Amino acid sequence: MLHIRLLESSDAAQYQALRLRGLMTNPEAFGSTYEREVDFTLAFVEERLKPVEGKFTLGAFDAEGQLVGIVTFVRESSAKISHKGNVYGMYTAPEVRGQGAGRALLLALIDRARGCSGLEQINLAVITDNAPARRLYQSLGFITYGTEQRALKYEEQYWDEDYMVFRL
């Protein structure tokens, strides 16, 4: 049984461990790198996790209380684009994939984002080759509106990204 909740500063150590695992396991899925984030201090991660208006991170915890999934929502702050928010850093541990953690995280994110006054859509980018993630997003109502070729480059390898939107 998974438990989804808002992450707080006190979750920083578990969050950082899972995020670094994701950056090592699936480097193509993130705009950042393991090398960049491995030296982040716990204080920096605590500050990063503090929920503020228009920004929050959710976590999926297993029955033993271990963090097994994460996702972050950030609303645009500029007046002309504040009707949009973005999904960042979506990651589930390989051992829980296919068990509903990603779906539960995204449903909770969408539900919480609906509480943002004036928010009309949620955007995300997903590696074009990540068929399981794309299927999950599509099953929840995200639609693809474009593809950027060679969107990410890491260690001389390129990945294309599909851009998807969910209309609230």
Protein backbone atom coordinates (compact mmCIF):
# COMPACT_ATOMS: atom_id res chain seq x y z
CA MET A 1 0.00 0.00 0.00
CA LEU A 2 1.41 3.36 -1.05
CA HIS A 3 0.97 6.60 0.85
CA ILE A 4 1.25 9.89 -1.08
CA ARG A 5 2.00 13.09 0.78
CA LEU A 6 3.57 16.51 0.50
CA LEU A 7 7.29 16.40 1.19
CA GLU A 8 8.74 18.74 3.81
CA SER A 9 12.26 19.76 4.75
CA SER A 10 12.42 16.80 7.15
CA ASP A 11 12.22 14.45 4.14
CA ALA A 12 15.38 15.90 2.57
CA ALA A 13 17.69 12.93 3.23
CA GLN A 14 15.29 10.36 1.75
CA TYR A 15 14.45 12.68 -1.13
CA GLN A 16 18.09 13.31 -1.99
CA ALA A 17 18.93 9.61 -1.85
CA LEU A 18 16.08 8.74 -4.23
CA ARG A 19 16.82 11.68 -6.53
CA LEU A 20 20.49 10.72 -6.80
CA ARG A 21 19.45 7.14 -7.49
CA GLY A 22 17.24 8.39 -10.30
CA LEU A 23 20.00 10.55 -11.74
CA MET A 24 22.30 7.50 -11.79
CA THR A 25 19.71 4.95 -12.94
CA ASN A 26 17.95 7.06 -15.58
CA PRO A 27 20.20 10.03 -16.43
CA GLU A 28 18.27 10.61 -19.65
CA ALA A 29 15.08 11.39 -17.73
CA PHE A 30 16.38 14.52 -16.00
CA GLY A 31 17.68 17.90 -17.04
CA SER A 32 20.19 17.75 -14.18
CA THR A 33 23.02 15.29 -13.55
CA TYR A 34 24.27 13.14 -10.71
CA GLU A 35 27.61 14.98 -10.83
CA ARG A 36 25.84 18.31 -10.30
CA GLU A 37 23.62 17.21 -7.42
CA VAL A 38 25.79 14.75 -5.48
CA ASP A 39 27.47 17.60 -3.63
CA PHE A 40 24.26 19.43 -2.70
CA THR A 41 24.21 19.94 1.05
CA LEU A 42 21.34 18.63 3.12
CA ALA A 43 20.49 22.25 4.01
CA PHE A 44 20.22 23.09 0.30
CA VAL A 45 17.91 20.11 -0.31
CA GLU A 46 15.81 21.03 2.74
CA GLU A 47 15.31 24.52 1.31
CA ARG A 48 14.53 23.07 -2.13
CA LEU A 49 11.78 20.90 -0.63
CA LYS A 50 10.00 23.62 1.35
CA PRO A 51 6.54 24.01 -0.15
CA VAL A 52 5.79 27.57 -1.23
CA GLU A 53 2.91 29.07 -3.15
CA GLY A 54 2.89 27.51 -6.62
CA LYS A 55 5.62 24.96 -5.87
CA PHE A 56 5.52 21.62 -4.09
CA THR A 57 7.02 18.14 -4.17
CA LEU A 58 5.05 14.99 -3.49
CA GLY A 59 6.40 11.66 -2.34
CA ALA A 60 5.15 8.08 -2.56
CA PHE A 61 6.00 5.99 0.48
CA ASP A 62 5.79 2.20 0.69
CA ALA A 63 4.34 0.25 3.63
CA GLU A 64 7.70 0.42 5.44
CA GLY A 65 7.83 4.21 5.14
CA GLN A 66 10.51 4.28 2.45
CA LEU A 67 10.29 6.98 -0.19
CA VAL A 68 9.86 5.20 -3.54
CA GLY A 69 8.58 7.96 -5.82
CA ILE A 70 8.82 11.72 -6.24
CA VAL A 71 7.37 14.46 -8.42
CA THR A 72 7.57 18.27 -8.29
CA PHE A 73 5.08 20.90 -9.47
CA VAL A 74 6.16 24.46 -10.25
CA ARG A 75 3.72 27.12 -11.39
CA GLU A 76 4.92 29.78 -13.78
CA SER A 77 5.18 33.14 -12.02
CA SER A 78 5.20 35.65 -14.88
CA ALA A 79 1.81 37.32 -15.45
CA LYS A 80 1.33 36.13 -19.03
CA ILE A 81 2.14 32.49 -18.29
CA SER A 82 0.90 32.05 -14.72
CA HIS A 83 -2.03 30.02 -16.06
CA LYS A 84 0.51 27.19 -16.57
CA GLY A 85 2.35 24.86 -14.24
CA ASN A 86 5.03 22.25 -14.89
CA VAL A 87 5.83 18.73 -13.75
CA TYR A 88 9.50 18.18 -12.93
CA GLY A 89 11.63 15.41 -11.51
CA MET A 90 9.12 12.57 -11.84
CA TYR A 91 10.80 9.37 -10.70
CA THR A 92 9.74 6.04 -9.26
CA ALA A 93 12.16 3.43 -7.97
CA PRO A 94 12.52 0.52 -10.42
CA GLU A 95 11.22 -1.99 -7.87
CA VAL A 96 7.82 -0.26 -7.68
CA ARG A 97 7.32 0.53 -11.35
CA GLY A 98 4.11 -0.84 -12.77
CA GLN A 99 2.49 -0.91 -9.30
CA GLY A 100 0.68 2.44 -9.48
CA ALA A 101 3.16 4.75 -7.72
CA GLY A 102 3.57 7.04 -10.72
CA ARG A 103 -0.18 7.18 -11.34
CA ALA A 104 -0.87 7.94 -7.67
CA LEU A 105 1.75 10.70 -7.60
CA LEU A 106 0.39 12.37 -10.73
CA LEU A 107 -3.23 12.12 -9.62
CA ALA A 108 -2.27 13.76 -6.32
CA LEU A 109 -0.29 16.43 -8.16
CA ILE A 110 -3.22 17.21 -10.47
CA ASP A 111 -5.62 17.31 -7.52
CA ARG A 112 -3.39 19.68 -5.55
CA ALA A 113 -2.68 21.85 -8.62
CA ARG A 114 -6.43 22.30 -9.14
CA GLY A 115 -6.36 24.35 -5.94
CA CYS A 116 -4.15 26.98 -7.59
CA SER A 117 -6.44 29.86 -8.53
CA GLY A 118 -6.29 30.65 -12.24
CA LEU A 119 -4.25 27.59 -13.18
CA GLU A 120 -5.47 26.19 -16.50
CA GLN A 121 -2.90 23.64 -17.63
CA ILE A 122 -0.05 21.43 -16.51
CA ASN A 123 2.89 20.84 -18.86
CA LEU A 124 5.62 18.23 -18.83
CA ALA A 125 8.43 16.91 -20.97
CA VAL A 126 9.15 13.20 -21.35
CA ILE A 127 11.88 11.38 -23.22
CA THR A 128 10.31 10.23 -26.49
CA ASP A 129 11.73 6.70 -26.06
CA ASN A 130 10.22 6.28 -22.56
CA ALA A 131 7.09 4.44 -23.70
CA PRO A 132 5.89 3.41 -20.20
CA ALA A 133 5.98 7.03 -18.95
CA ARG A 134 4.31 8.33 -22.10
CA ARG A 135 1.54 5.73 -21.76
CA LEU A 136 1.01 6.72 -18.12
CA TYR A 137 0.74 10.41 -18.97
CA GLN A 138 -1.61 9.71 -21.89
CA SER A 139 -3.82 7.49 -19.72
CA LEU A 140 -4.30 10.44 -17.35
CA GLY A 141 -5.28 12.81 -20.14
CA PHE A 142 -1.98 14.46 -21.10
CA ILE A 143 -1.72 15.08 -24.83
CA THR A 144 1.45 15.53 -26.88
CA TYR A 145 1.73 18.91 -28.57
CA GLY A 146 5.29 18.78 -29.84
CA THR A 147 8.64 17.04 -29.95
CA GLU A 148 12.06 18.60 -29.56
CA GLN A 149 14.80 16.62 -31.25
CA ARG A 150 18.09 16.42 -29.39
CA ALA A 151 16.51 18.17 -26.39
CA LEU A 152 19.01 16.70 -23.94
CA LYS A 153 22.67 15.80 -24.36
CA TYR A 154 24.75 13.89 -21.85
CA GLU A 155 28.06 12.16 -22.41
CA GLU A 156 27.78 12.65 -26.18
CA GLN A 157 24.33 11.01 -26.35
CA TYR A 158 21.17 12.89 -27.37
CA TRP A 159 17.54 12.33 -26.38
CA ASP A 160 14.39 13.73 -27.93
CA GLU A 161 11.61 15.02 -25.67
CA ASP A 162 7.87 15.05 -26.19
CA TYR A 163 6.02 18.00 -24.70
CA MET A 164 2.66 17.15 -23.18
CA VAL A 165 -0.16 19.18 -21.66
CA PHE A 166 -3.04 18.41 -19.30
CA ARG A 167 -5.90 20.91 -19.38
CA LEU A 168 -7.59 21.44 -16.04
